N, C-alpha and C. Protein backbone atom coordinates (compact mmCIF):
# COMPACT_ATOMS: atom_id res chain seq x y z
N MET A 1 -30.85 -17.94 -70.62
CA MET A 1 -30.78 -18.24 -69.20
C MET A 1 -29.31 -17.90 -68.61
N GLU A 2 -29.16 -16.78 -68.18
CA GLU A 2 -27.81 -16.50 -67.91
C GLU A 2 -27.88 -16.47 -66.32
N SER A 3 -26.70 -17.06 -65.65
CA SER A 3 -26.77 -17.23 -64.34
C SER A 3 -25.97 -16.10 -63.53
N GLY A 4 -25.51 -15.10 -64.17
CA GLY A 4 -24.79 -13.98 -63.73
C GLY A 4 -23.30 -14.33 -63.58
N LEU A 5 -22.92 -15.47 -64.05
CA LEU A 5 -21.43 -15.83 -63.86
C LEU A 5 -20.84 -15.74 -65.34
N ARG A 6 -20.25 -14.77 -65.71
CA ARG A 6 -19.92 -14.48 -67.15
C ARG A 6 -18.53 -15.10 -67.25
N GLY A 7 -18.41 -15.86 -68.18
CA GLY A 7 -17.24 -16.56 -68.61
C GLY A 7 -16.93 -17.78 -67.91
N ARG A 8 -17.58 -18.23 -66.89
CA ARG A 8 -17.28 -19.38 -66.14
C ARG A 8 -18.21 -20.46 -66.34
N GLY A 9 -19.12 -20.36 -67.10
CA GLY A 9 -19.89 -21.73 -67.41
C GLY A 9 -21.05 -21.49 -66.35
N ARG A 10 -22.18 -22.33 -66.48
CA ARG A 10 -23.38 -22.43 -65.93
C ARG A 10 -23.28 -23.36 -64.80
N ASN A 11 -22.34 -24.27 -64.77
CA ASN A 11 -22.29 -25.10 -63.59
C ASN A 11 -21.28 -24.71 -62.63
N CYS A 12 -20.59 -23.78 -62.51
CA CYS A 12 -19.54 -23.50 -61.78
C CYS A 12 -20.03 -22.57 -60.68
N ALA A 13 -19.85 -22.84 -59.57
CA ALA A 13 -20.24 -22.01 -58.34
C ALA A 13 -18.91 -21.29 -57.79
N VAL A 14 -19.16 -20.16 -57.51
CA VAL A 14 -18.10 -19.43 -56.95
C VAL A 14 -18.40 -19.33 -55.34
N ILE A 15 -17.18 -19.84 -54.51
CA ILE A 15 -17.30 -19.91 -53.36
C ILE A 15 -16.32 -18.90 -52.63
N SER A 16 -16.84 -17.88 -52.03
CA SER A 16 -15.88 -16.80 -51.54
C SER A 16 -15.78 -16.90 -50.01
N THR A 17 -14.53 -16.94 -49.47
CA THR A 17 -14.45 -16.99 -47.89
C THR A 17 -13.97 -15.41 -47.55
N PRO A 18 -14.58 -15.07 -46.51
CA PRO A 18 -13.93 -13.61 -46.14
C PRO A 18 -12.63 -14.02 -45.48
N HIS A 19 -11.80 -12.91 -45.92
CA HIS A 19 -10.34 -12.77 -45.41
C HIS A 19 -10.34 -12.42 -43.94
N ILE A 20 -9.89 -13.62 -43.05
CA ILE A 20 -9.60 -13.23 -41.75
C ILE A 20 -8.40 -12.94 -41.33
N ARG A 21 -8.06 -11.60 -40.97
CA ARG A 21 -6.61 -11.10 -40.78
C ARG A 21 -6.44 -11.17 -39.39
N GLY A 22 -5.42 -11.85 -38.93
CA GLY A 22 -4.86 -11.77 -37.48
C GLY A 22 -3.69 -10.69 -37.32
N PHE A 23 -3.40 -10.72 -36.05
CA PHE A 23 -2.27 -9.85 -35.68
C PHE A 23 -0.97 -10.35 -36.28
N THR A 24 -0.08 -9.51 -36.58
CA THR A 24 1.18 -9.85 -36.86
C THR A 24 2.10 -9.69 -35.67
N LEU A 25 3.21 -10.61 -35.75
CA LEU A 25 4.16 -10.54 -34.64
C LEU A 25 4.75 -9.14 -34.22
N ILE A 26 4.95 -8.40 -35.15
CA ILE A 26 5.51 -6.91 -34.87
C ILE A 26 4.26 -6.12 -34.23
N GLU A 27 3.02 -6.23 -34.65
CA GLU A 27 1.91 -5.64 -33.80
C GLU A 27 1.98 -6.20 -32.30
N MET A 28 1.86 -7.59 -32.25
CA MET A 28 1.93 -7.98 -30.78
C MET A 28 3.12 -7.55 -29.97
N MET A 29 4.44 -7.63 -30.57
CA MET A 29 5.47 -6.92 -29.91
C MET A 29 5.21 -5.54 -29.46
N ILE A 30 4.60 -4.71 -30.41
CA ILE A 30 4.52 -3.37 -30.06
C ILE A 30 3.57 -3.22 -28.94
N VAL A 31 2.41 -4.09 -28.90
CA VAL A 31 1.41 -4.02 -27.83
C VAL A 31 2.30 -4.33 -26.47
N VAL A 32 2.95 -5.29 -26.44
CA VAL A 32 3.55 -5.82 -25.43
C VAL A 32 4.51 -4.67 -24.70
N THR A 33 5.27 -4.14 -25.68
CA THR A 33 6.05 -3.12 -25.25
C THR A 33 5.40 -1.86 -24.49
N ILE A 34 4.37 -1.59 -25.14
CA ILE A 34 3.54 -0.23 -24.55
C ILE A 34 3.08 -0.73 -23.09
N ILE A 35 2.42 -1.93 -23.03
CA ILE A 35 2.09 -2.44 -21.84
C ILE A 35 3.32 -2.35 -20.62
N GLY A 36 4.23 -2.96 -21.12
CA GLY A 36 5.65 -2.93 -20.23
C GLY A 36 5.96 -1.46 -19.75
N LEU A 37 5.90 -0.61 -20.79
CA LEU A 37 6.40 0.74 -20.40
C LEU A 37 5.26 1.36 -19.40
N LEU A 38 3.94 1.27 -19.53
CA LEU A 38 3.03 1.83 -18.74
C LEU A 38 3.31 1.05 -17.27
N LEU A 39 3.49 -0.21 -17.34
CA LEU A 39 3.79 -0.82 -16.01
C LEU A 39 5.08 -0.30 -15.32
N ALA A 40 5.94 -0.08 -16.05
CA ALA A 40 7.12 0.55 -15.53
C ALA A 40 6.94 1.84 -15.15
N ILE A 41 6.23 2.71 -15.52
CA ILE A 41 5.77 4.05 -14.89
C ILE A 41 4.89 3.85 -13.86
N ALA A 42 3.95 2.96 -13.81
CA ALA A 42 2.76 3.09 -12.68
C ALA A 42 3.26 2.35 -11.51
N VAL A 43 3.96 1.09 -11.56
CA VAL A 43 4.18 0.35 -10.52
C VAL A 43 4.98 1.07 -9.38
N PRO A 44 5.91 1.95 -9.85
CA PRO A 44 6.73 2.60 -8.60
C PRO A 44 5.72 3.61 -7.96
N ASN A 45 4.83 4.30 -8.65
CA ASN A 45 3.81 5.15 -8.10
C ASN A 45 3.00 4.54 -7.14
N PHE A 46 2.58 3.36 -7.42
CA PHE A 46 1.69 2.65 -6.45
C PHE A 46 2.45 2.30 -5.18
N LEU A 47 3.73 1.87 -5.45
CA LEU A 47 4.53 1.40 -4.24
C LEU A 47 4.87 2.43 -3.40
N ARG A 48 5.11 3.71 -4.08
CA ARG A 48 5.43 4.77 -3.30
C ARG A 48 4.11 5.37 -2.35
N THR A 49 2.96 5.17 -3.13
CA THR A 49 1.80 5.66 -2.48
C THR A 49 1.52 4.71 -1.17
N ARG A 50 1.74 3.32 -1.48
CA ARG A 50 1.59 2.61 -0.39
C ARG A 50 2.46 2.70 0.82
N GLU A 51 3.79 3.11 0.49
CA GLU A 51 4.81 3.32 1.52
C GLU A 51 4.40 4.67 2.36
N SER A 52 3.77 5.49 1.63
CA SER A 52 3.55 6.90 2.26
C SER A 52 2.28 6.50 3.26
N THR A 53 1.27 5.78 2.64
CA THR A 53 0.18 5.36 3.62
C THR A 53 0.61 4.79 4.92
N ARG A 54 1.62 3.89 4.64
CA ARG A 54 1.99 3.11 5.99
C ARG A 54 2.79 4.18 6.89
N GLN A 55 3.45 4.97 6.16
CA GLN A 55 4.23 5.95 7.28
C GLN A 55 3.14 6.80 7.83
N LYS A 56 2.17 7.36 7.16
CA LYS A 56 1.10 8.17 7.74
C LYS A 56 0.53 7.36 8.80
N ALA A 57 0.24 6.11 8.91
CA ALA A 57 -0.43 5.36 9.78
C ALA A 57 0.48 5.33 10.90
N CYS A 58 1.52 5.06 10.63
CA CYS A 58 2.68 5.09 11.72
C CYS A 58 2.64 6.35 12.59
N ILE A 59 2.75 7.49 11.91
CA ILE A 59 2.56 8.70 12.54
C ILE A 59 1.33 8.93 13.42
N GLY A 60 0.30 8.59 12.90
CA GLY A 60 -0.97 8.62 13.51
C GLY A 60 -1.00 7.81 14.77
N ASN A 61 -0.41 6.54 14.78
CA ASN A 61 -0.48 5.74 15.81
C ASN A 61 0.55 6.33 17.05
N LEU A 62 1.46 6.95 16.54
CA LEU A 62 2.39 7.56 17.46
C LEU A 62 1.67 8.68 18.16
N ARG A 63 1.12 9.51 17.52
CA ARG A 63 0.39 10.52 18.02
C ARG A 63 -0.58 9.98 19.04
N LYS A 64 -1.30 9.09 18.79
CA LYS A 64 -2.35 8.42 19.65
C LYS A 64 -1.72 7.99 20.99
N VAL A 65 -0.49 7.23 20.78
CA VAL A 65 0.19 6.70 22.02
C VAL A 65 0.87 7.96 22.73
N GLU A 66 1.34 9.04 22.07
CA GLU A 66 1.94 9.82 22.83
C GLU A 66 0.85 10.79 23.74
N TRP A 67 -0.33 10.89 22.96
CA TRP A 67 -1.53 11.64 23.67
C TRP A 67 -1.98 10.77 24.95
N ALA A 68 -2.08 9.37 24.69
CA ALA A 68 -2.37 8.60 25.94
C ALA A 68 -1.36 8.67 26.97
N LYS A 69 0.01 8.64 26.62
CA LYS A 69 0.88 8.77 27.67
C LYS A 69 0.81 10.21 28.36
N ASP A 70 0.77 11.05 27.71
CA ASP A 70 0.54 12.46 28.23
C ASP A 70 -0.76 12.69 29.11
N CYS A 71 -1.84 12.12 28.84
CA CYS A 71 -3.12 11.90 29.48
C CYS A 71 -2.95 11.17 30.89
N TYR A 72 -2.08 10.09 30.73
CA TYR A 72 -1.79 9.35 31.89
C TYR A 72 -1.01 10.04 32.88
N LEU A 73 -0.02 10.67 32.30
CA LEU A 73 1.01 11.35 33.14
C LEU A 73 0.33 12.49 33.99
N MET A 74 -0.47 13.31 33.22
CA MET A 74 -1.34 14.53 33.81
C MET A 74 -2.28 13.93 34.72
N ASP A 75 -2.98 12.88 34.47
CA ASP A 75 -4.01 12.52 35.45
C ASP A 75 -3.27 12.05 36.80
N LYS A 76 -2.27 11.32 36.62
CA LYS A 76 -1.49 10.74 37.98
C LYS A 76 -0.71 11.53 38.40
N GLY A 77 -0.35 12.69 37.75
CA GLY A 77 0.61 13.65 38.40
C GLY A 77 2.02 13.29 38.29
N LEU A 78 2.27 12.49 37.36
CA LEU A 78 3.66 11.98 37.25
C LEU A 78 4.62 12.58 36.35
N PRO A 79 6.06 12.50 36.63
CA PRO A 79 6.95 13.21 35.76
C PRO A 79 6.95 12.68 34.49
N ALA A 80 7.66 13.45 33.39
CA ALA A 80 7.68 13.01 31.98
C ALA A 80 8.65 11.91 32.00
N THR A 81 9.52 11.66 32.86
CA THR A 81 10.50 10.75 32.83
C THR A 81 9.99 9.23 33.33
N TYR A 82 8.64 9.32 33.74
CA TYR A 82 8.11 7.90 34.37
C TYR A 82 8.32 6.82 33.39
N VAL A 83 8.52 5.65 33.90
CA VAL A 83 8.95 4.51 33.02
C VAL A 83 7.73 3.65 32.99
N PHE A 84 7.06 3.31 31.96
CA PHE A 84 5.96 2.50 31.75
C PHE A 84 6.14 1.11 31.74
N THR A 85 5.10 0.26 32.14
CA THR A 85 5.43 -1.11 32.05
C THR A 85 5.70 -1.55 30.65
N ALA A 86 6.27 -2.59 30.33
CA ALA A 86 6.65 -3.29 28.92
C ALA A 86 5.13 -3.47 28.30
N ASP A 87 4.20 -3.84 28.86
CA ASP A 87 2.92 -4.04 27.99
C ASP A 87 2.18 -2.72 27.77
N GLY A 88 2.56 -1.73 28.46
CA GLY A 88 1.62 -0.42 28.40
C GLY A 88 0.30 -0.50 29.24
N SER A 89 0.27 -1.48 30.06
CA SER A 89 -1.14 -1.71 30.82
C SER A 89 -1.64 -0.43 31.33
N GLU A 90 -0.70 0.63 31.61
CA GLU A 90 -1.24 1.91 32.23
C GLU A 90 -2.12 2.51 31.27
N VAL A 91 -1.92 2.59 30.02
CA VAL A 91 -2.71 3.42 29.03
C VAL A 91 -3.50 2.66 28.01
N PHE A 92 -3.28 1.29 27.81
CA PHE A 92 -4.11 0.43 27.03
C PHE A 92 -4.97 -0.36 27.73
N GLY A 93 -6.15 -0.41 27.45
CA GLY A 93 -7.22 -1.39 28.05
C GLY A 93 -8.63 -0.66 27.71
N PRO A 94 -9.62 -1.63 27.83
CA PRO A 94 -10.92 -1.21 27.39
C PRO A 94 -11.52 -0.02 28.05
N THR A 95 -11.20 0.15 29.17
CA THR A 95 -11.57 1.43 30.01
C THR A 95 -10.57 2.40 30.25
N LEU A 96 -9.49 2.41 29.50
CA LEU A 96 -8.37 3.37 29.76
C LEU A 96 -8.38 4.21 28.56
N TYR A 97 -7.22 4.80 28.31
CA TYR A 97 -7.00 5.94 27.13
C TYR A 97 -7.04 5.34 25.72
N ILE A 98 -6.66 4.16 25.54
CA ILE A 98 -6.58 3.48 24.34
C ILE A 98 -7.15 2.31 24.43
N ALA A 99 -8.25 1.70 23.93
CA ALA A 99 -8.90 0.52 24.12
C ALA A 99 -8.00 -0.63 23.55
N VAL A 100 -7.42 -0.64 22.20
CA VAL A 100 -6.67 -1.52 21.78
C VAL A 100 -5.30 -0.80 21.37
N PRO A 101 -4.21 -1.44 21.66
CA PRO A 101 -2.84 -0.79 21.51
C PRO A 101 -2.61 -0.86 19.98
N PRO A 102 -2.27 0.20 19.56
CA PRO A 102 -1.78 0.31 17.99
C PRO A 102 -0.40 -0.33 17.98
N VAL A 103 -0.39 -0.91 16.54
CA VAL A 103 0.80 -1.74 16.29
C VAL A 103 1.46 -1.13 15.13
N CYS A 104 2.79 -1.36 15.12
CA CYS A 104 3.71 -0.98 13.84
C CYS A 104 3.11 -1.34 12.44
N PRO A 105 2.95 -0.49 11.54
CA PRO A 105 2.63 -1.14 10.30
C PRO A 105 3.59 -1.83 9.56
N ALA A 106 4.73 -1.84 10.01
CA ALA A 106 6.00 -2.51 9.38
C ALA A 106 6.04 -4.06 9.81
N ASN A 107 5.85 -4.27 11.12
CA ASN A 107 6.14 -5.49 11.60
C ASN A 107 4.88 -6.05 12.61
N ALA A 108 3.76 -5.26 12.74
CA ALA A 108 2.70 -5.58 13.45
C ALA A 108 3.05 -5.84 15.02
N GLN A 109 4.07 -5.32 15.43
CA GLN A 109 4.52 -5.19 16.93
C GLN A 109 4.15 -4.03 17.53
N PRO A 110 3.64 -4.26 18.77
CA PRO A 110 3.31 -2.94 19.50
C PRO A 110 4.48 -2.05 19.79
N TYR A 111 4.06 -0.81 20.00
CA TYR A 111 5.00 0.32 20.08
C TYR A 111 5.78 0.23 21.49
N ASP A 112 7.06 0.44 21.73
CA ASP A 112 7.80 0.56 22.87
C ASP A 112 7.37 1.88 23.38
N LEU A 113 6.80 1.83 24.68
CA LEU A 113 6.49 3.14 25.22
C LEU A 113 7.62 3.72 25.96
N ASN A 114 8.77 3.11 26.35
CA ASN A 114 9.83 3.51 27.08
C ASN A 114 11.05 3.94 26.25
N THR A 115 11.06 3.72 25.09
CA THR A 115 12.10 4.26 24.25
C THR A 115 12.27 5.76 24.20
N GLY A 116 13.57 6.32 24.49
CA GLY A 116 13.76 7.63 24.78
C GLY A 116 12.93 7.99 26.04
N ILE A 117 12.74 9.36 26.33
CA ILE A 117 12.00 9.64 27.59
C ILE A 117 10.55 9.74 27.29
N THR A 118 10.03 10.40 26.19
CA THR A 118 8.58 10.36 26.02
C THR A 118 7.94 9.98 24.76
N ASP A 119 8.98 9.75 23.64
CA ASP A 119 8.56 9.44 22.43
C ASP A 119 8.32 7.79 22.12
N PRO A 120 7.24 7.39 21.95
CA PRO A 120 7.39 5.84 21.59
C PRO A 120 7.95 5.97 20.12
N THR A 121 8.52 4.81 19.79
CA THR A 121 9.07 4.62 18.48
C THR A 121 8.79 3.28 17.85
N CYS A 122 9.08 3.28 16.65
CA CYS A 122 8.93 1.91 15.82
C CYS A 122 9.94 1.81 14.74
N THR A 123 10.34 0.75 14.49
CA THR A 123 11.28 0.72 13.27
C THR A 123 10.57 0.43 11.93
N TYR A 124 10.11 1.54 11.53
CA TYR A 124 9.37 1.17 10.19
C TYR A 124 10.07 1.27 9.00
N ASP A 125 11.12 2.12 8.74
CA ASP A 125 11.69 1.94 7.53
C ASP A 125 12.84 1.15 7.42
N SER A 126 13.24 0.85 6.16
CA SER A 126 14.29 -0.06 5.66
C SER A 126 15.67 0.15 6.36
N ASN A 127 16.00 1.23 6.82
CA ASN A 127 17.17 1.44 7.49
C ASN A 127 17.05 1.04 9.13
N SER A 128 15.99 0.65 9.48
CA SER A 128 15.67 0.56 10.99
C SER A 128 15.92 1.57 11.78
N THR A 129 15.80 2.79 11.34
CA THR A 129 15.82 4.07 12.11
C THR A 129 14.59 4.40 12.66
N PRO A 130 14.44 4.44 14.14
CA PRO A 130 13.22 4.62 14.43
C PRO A 130 12.49 6.04 14.15
N HIS A 131 11.17 5.90 14.03
CA HIS A 131 10.50 7.12 13.93
C HIS A 131 9.92 7.62 15.19
N SER A 132 9.85 8.95 15.37
CA SER A 132 9.31 9.41 16.64
C SER A 132 8.60 10.70 16.40
N LEU A 133 7.82 11.18 17.23
CA LEU A 133 7.03 12.50 17.21
C LEU A 133 7.90 13.71 17.00
N THR A 134 9.16 13.68 17.41
CA THR A 134 9.93 14.89 17.15
C THR A 134 10.36 15.01 16.04
N GLY A 135 10.35 14.07 14.88
CA GLY A 135 10.74 14.33 13.79
C GLY A 135 9.56 14.75 12.77
N PHE A 136 8.30 14.77 13.34
CA PHE A 136 7.19 15.13 12.51
C PHE A 136 6.53 16.34 12.73
């Protein structure tokens, strides 16, 4: 009667545990470094895209406001130097040219219709220089 355990005797049991291998410190550091490099590349691109989207929204708002101003001036036969009220009630309203006045994406403030002669502006960029339709 042989138990299949050669040289160990009949009453010895062999208990084998599987070897569980974990990650070494070096492997973990390499993974963290790779993730850090990927983030360093990706995050500025996301921020740039977000900034570009806000600027395009600002340009679209400026075009809408400029169009509404032009329509108002043509309908009423007024000169281009006409001074609008501070709240823009001539062009903004449910039954007027723009139902809801657009706001600047930077600070959620309404556009100033009287800055310059015909171009509304907003202080969107970090230098606080106004955007106007003349530059686009």
